[in-house]
Amino acid sequence: MSRAPPRRRAVSRHAYHHGDLRRALLDAARSVLREAGPEGCSLRGVARRAGVSHAAPYHHFASREALLGALAAEGYQALDQSMASAQAAAPPDPAAQLAAVGMGYFLLARQQAALFRLMIRPEHLGPKPATGAPAAGETTCLGPAGRLRAVLSTLLGRAAAAGETHLCWAAVHGLALLALDGGLGVPDGALDAHARTILSRLADGLAATR
């Protein structure tokens, strides 16, 4: 009596069609990242979550670092969009624009905490290419420094903006990390309003130096 062939684990056919395999893997990786952090985000685990074979990720990603780098690149694009959207919704006053750009940064960090933490931990993303090409987390978007500098140029002038960009970035970034780590001593439901107050004070203080 012949045995029936062993049943193979179901594989998501949809992921292989219409160029969706890469997207399916990135979505699965983001899900694993939220649950287990970068350390728990292996190619094998991501393939299992996506419902594809263990070899499938290699069609698009040469390594775990390449996969995480692609996730980080998407994160930087989302960060840029969050800052741009917040700026577009703010009043035209330069100080209000600066506070809004900072708030867009803060909100992205809060809403996508696992992805944000990955973006700022380059040890998980592999070395920067020796050719001078952008690293995995770097994109063609303006980025935090570019958006902050553009608003600061309107607020303070181009020369002064160059010296204040990193100060503002450090303040916004530090505020975001303090919020994520529970270091502000503010209830979760009040964090956004607290951040808006701090960023408005920072922007108004810089405006007063004009």
Protein backbone atom coordinates (compact mmCIF):
# COMPACT_ATOMS: atom_id res chain seq x y z
CA MET A 1 0.00 0.00 0.00
CA SER A 2 1.58 3.24 -1.12
CA ARG A 3 1.73 6.17 1.22
CA ALA A 4 0.24 9.49 0.31
CA PRO A 5 2.87 12.14 -0.33
CA PRO A 6 3.55 14.38 2.66
CA ARG A 7 1.43 17.49 2.79
CA ARG A 8 3.31 20.69 2.16
CA ARG A 9 2.69 23.77 4.22
CA ALA A 10 0.33 26.11 2.47
CA VAL A 11 2.14 28.87 0.61
CA SER A 12 0.52 32.16 -0.17
CA ARG A 13 0.21 32.18 -3.96
CA HIS A 14 -0.88 35.81 -3.91
CA ALA A 15 2.53 36.84 -2.64
CA TYR A 16 4.19 35.53 -5.78
CA HIS A 17 2.04 37.38 -8.29
CA HIS A 18 1.94 40.95 -9.56
CA GLY A 19 5.23 41.80 -7.86
CA ASP A 20 3.69 41.29 -4.40
CA LEU A 21 6.30 38.98 -2.87
CA ARG A 22 8.55 41.86 -1.81
CA ARG A 23 5.59 43.74 -0.34
CA ALA A 24 4.35 40.63 1.47
CA LEU A 25 7.79 40.09 2.98
CA LEU A 26 8.10 43.69 4.12
CA ASP A 27 4.63 43.62 5.68
CA ALA A 28 5.48 40.38 7.46
CA ALA A 29 8.80 41.81 8.61
CA ARG A 30 7.09 44.86 10.04
CA SER A 31 4.71 42.61 11.97
CA VAL A 32 7.58 40.52 13.36
CA LEU A 33 9.51 43.69 14.17
CA ARG A 34 6.64 45.00 16.31
CA GLU A 35 6.48 41.74 18.25
CA ALA A 36 10.12 40.75 18.60
CA GLY A 37 12.28 43.74 17.71
CA PRO A 38 15.15 43.71 15.18
CA GLU A 39 16.90 40.84 16.96
CA GLY A 40 13.93 38.55 16.38
CA CYS A 41 13.45 39.50 12.75
CA SER A 42 15.09 36.63 10.83
CA LEU A 43 14.56 35.84 7.16
CA ARG A 44 13.22 32.41 8.09
CA GLY A 45 10.78 33.88 10.59
CA VAL A 46 9.62 36.54 8.13
CA ALA A 47 9.09 33.91 5.43
CA ARG A 48 7.04 31.84 7.86
CA ARG A 49 4.91 34.87 8.76
CA ALA A 50 4.38 35.70 5.08
CA GLY A 51 3.39 32.10 4.32
CA VAL A 52 6.14 31.54 1.76
CA SER A 53 9.07 29.15 1.49
CA HIS A 54 12.24 29.78 3.49
CA ALA A 55 14.08 30.49 0.24
CA ALA A 56 11.56 33.06 -1.01
CA PRO A 57 13.07 36.13 0.72
CA TYR A 58 16.31 35.69 -1.23
CA HIS A 59 14.48 36.65 -4.42
CA HIS A 60 14.49 40.23 -3.09
CA PHE A 61 16.82 40.43 -0.08
CA ALA A 62 20.34 39.06 0.04
CA SER A 63 20.42 39.08 3.83
CA ARG A 64 18.51 39.90 6.99
CA GLU A 65 20.29 43.27 7.04
CA ALA A 66 19.06 44.03 3.53
CA LEU A 67 15.48 43.29 4.55
CA LEU A 68 15.73 45.46 7.67
CA GLY A 69 17.42 48.17 5.62
CA ALA A 70 14.49 48.21 3.21
CA LEU A 71 12.13 48.52 6.16
CA ALA A 72 14.17 51.40 7.54
CA ALA A 73 14.10 53.14 4.16
CA GLU A 74 10.31 52.92 4.19
CA GLY A 75 10.41 54.32 7.71
CA TYR A 76 12.39 57.37 6.60
CA GLN A 77 9.91 57.96 3.80
CA ALA A 78 7.05 57.73 6.29
CA LEU A 79 8.88 60.09 8.65
CA ASP A 80 9.37 62.62 5.89
CA GLN A 81 5.70 62.37 4.93
CA SER A 82 4.61 62.80 8.54
CA MET A 83 6.71 65.95 8.88
CA ALA A 84 5.51 67.31 5.53
CA SER A 85 1.84 66.65 6.33
CA ALA A 86 2.10 68.31 9.73
CA GLN A 87 3.80 71.32 8.16
CA ALA A 88 1.16 71.62 5.44
CA ALA A 89 -1.61 71.65 8.04
CA ALA A 90 0.04 74.33 10.19
CA PRO A 91 -0.46 78.11 9.96
CA PRO A 92 2.02 79.88 7.64
CA ASP A 93 3.83 81.56 10.54
CA PRO A 94 7.44 80.20 10.51
CA ALA A 95 7.46 79.44 14.24
CA ALA A 96 4.23 77.45 13.90
CA GLN A 97 5.69 75.66 10.89
CA LEU A 98 8.80 74.69 12.86
CA ALA A 99 6.76 73.36 15.77
CA ALA A 100 4.58 71.41 13.32
CA VAL A 101 7.55 69.80 11.59
CA GLY A 102 8.89 68.72 14.97
CA MET A 103 5.49 67.36 15.91
CA GLY A 104 5.36 65.31 12.71
CA TYR A 105 8.64 63.70 13.77
CA PHE A 106 7.37 63.06 17.27
CA LEU A 107 4.09 61.52 16.10
CA LEU A 108 5.76 59.13 13.67
CA ALA A 109 8.08 57.93 16.45
CA ARG A 110 5.10 57.38 18.75
CA GLN A 111 2.83 55.72 16.20
CA GLN A 112 5.46 53.42 14.68
CA ALA A 113 7.77 52.93 17.63
CA ALA A 114 9.29 49.61 16.55
CA LEU A 115 10.09 50.92 13.07
CA PHE A 116 11.48 54.16 14.48
CA ARG A 117 13.80 52.30 16.84
CA LEU A 118 15.04 50.20 13.91
CA MET A 119 15.75 53.34 11.85
CA ILE A 120 18.04 54.77 14.51
CA ARG A 121 19.98 51.57 15.16
CA PRO A 122 22.41 51.23 12.22
CA GLU A 123 24.02 48.08 13.62
CA HIS A 124 21.01 46.15 12.29
CA LEU A 125 21.12 47.65 8.80
CA GLY A 126 24.51 46.56 7.52
CA PRO A 127 27.50 48.72 6.52
CA LYS A 128 27.17 51.81 4.36
CA PRO A 129 28.19 51.01 0.77
CA ALA A 130 31.78 51.97 -0.03
CA THR A 131 30.68 53.46 -3.37
CA GLY A 132 29.19 56.49 -1.66
CA ALA A 133 25.66 55.40 -2.52
CA PRO A 134 23.05 56.02 0.17
CA ALA A 135 22.89 53.47 2.96
CA ALA A 136 19.74 51.41 3.34
CA GLY A 137 18.04 53.87 5.66
CA GLU A 138 18.82 56.91 3.53
CA THR A 139 16.38 58.02 0.85
CA THR A 140 15.80 60.82 -1.61
CA CYS A 141 13.31 62.52 0.74
CA LEU A 142 14.34 65.74 2.45
CA GLY A 143 14.70 63.95 5.75
CA PRO A 144 14.58 65.46 9.25
CA ALA A 145 17.58 67.73 8.83
CA GLY A 146 16.44 68.96 5.42
CA ARG A 147 12.94 69.85 6.57
CA LEU A 148 14.11 71.49 9.77
CA ARG A 149 16.74 73.49 7.90
CA ALA A 150 14.21 74.68 5.33
CA VAL A 151 11.84 75.98 8.00
CA LEU A 152 14.66 77.47 10.05
CA SER A 153 15.91 79.31 6.98
CA THR A 154 12.54 81.03 6.71
CA LEU A 155 12.50 81.75 10.44
CA LEU A 156 16.11 82.81 11.00
CA GLY A 157 17.75 83.17 7.61
CA ARG A 158 19.96 80.65 5.86
CA ALA A 159 23.19 81.41 7.73
CA ALA A 160 21.64 81.08 11.18
CA ALA A 161 19.65 78.01 10.18
CA ALA A 162 22.81 76.03 9.50
CA GLY A 163 23.85 76.38 13.11
CA GLU A 164 20.45 75.63 14.62
CA THR A 165 19.36 72.61 12.59
CA HIS A 166 21.13 69.99 14.68
CA LEU A 167 20.06 71.70 17.88
CA CYS A 168 16.40 71.42 16.85
CA TRP A 169 16.83 67.87 15.58
CA ALA A 170 18.48 66.83 18.85
CA ALA A 171 15.64 68.39 20.83
CA VAL A 172 12.90 66.73 18.78
CA HIS A 173 14.67 63.37 18.69
CA GLY A 174 15.39 63.43 22.40
CA LEU A 175 11.79 64.31 23.14
CA ALA A 176 10.59 61.38 21.04
CA LEU A 177 12.92 58.91 22.76
CA LEU A 178 11.97 60.16 26.21
CA ALA A 179 8.32 59.64 25.32
CA LEU A 180 8.94 56.11 24.01
CA ASP A 181 10.95 55.17 27.09
CA GLY A 182 8.49 56.65 29.56
CA GLY A 183 11.00 59.24 30.69
CA LEU A 184 8.73 62.28 30.58
CA GLY A 185 6.56 61.26 33.51
CA VAL A 186 3.43 62.20 31.56
CA PRO A 187 0.39 59.91 31.07
CA ASP A 188 0.24 58.37 27.61
CA GLY A 189 -2.95 60.22 26.74
CA ALA A 190 -1.30 63.58 27.48
CA LEU A 191 2.01 63.00 25.69
CA ASP A 192 1.07 64.58 22.37
CA ALA A 193 -0.24 67.77 23.98
CA HIS A 194 2.84 67.92 26.19
CA ALA A 195 5.10 67.58 23.16
CA ARG A 196 3.23 70.32 21.29
CA THR A 197 3.74 72.67 24.21
CA ILE A 198 7.48 71.95 24.37
CA LEU A 199 7.98 72.27 20.62
CA SER A 200 6.00 75.51 20.48
CA ARG A 201 8.17 76.95 23.26
CA LEU A 202 11.29 75.91 21.37
CA ALA A 203 10.06 77.48 18.13
CA ASP A 204 8.92 80.68 19.85
CA GLY A 205 12.27 80.96 21.62
CA LEU A 206 14.15 80.70 18.34
CA ALA A 207 11.80 83.21 16.72
CA ALA A 208 12.56 85.68 19.51
CA THR A 209 16.25 85.64 18.53
CA ARG A 210 15.58 87.09 15.09
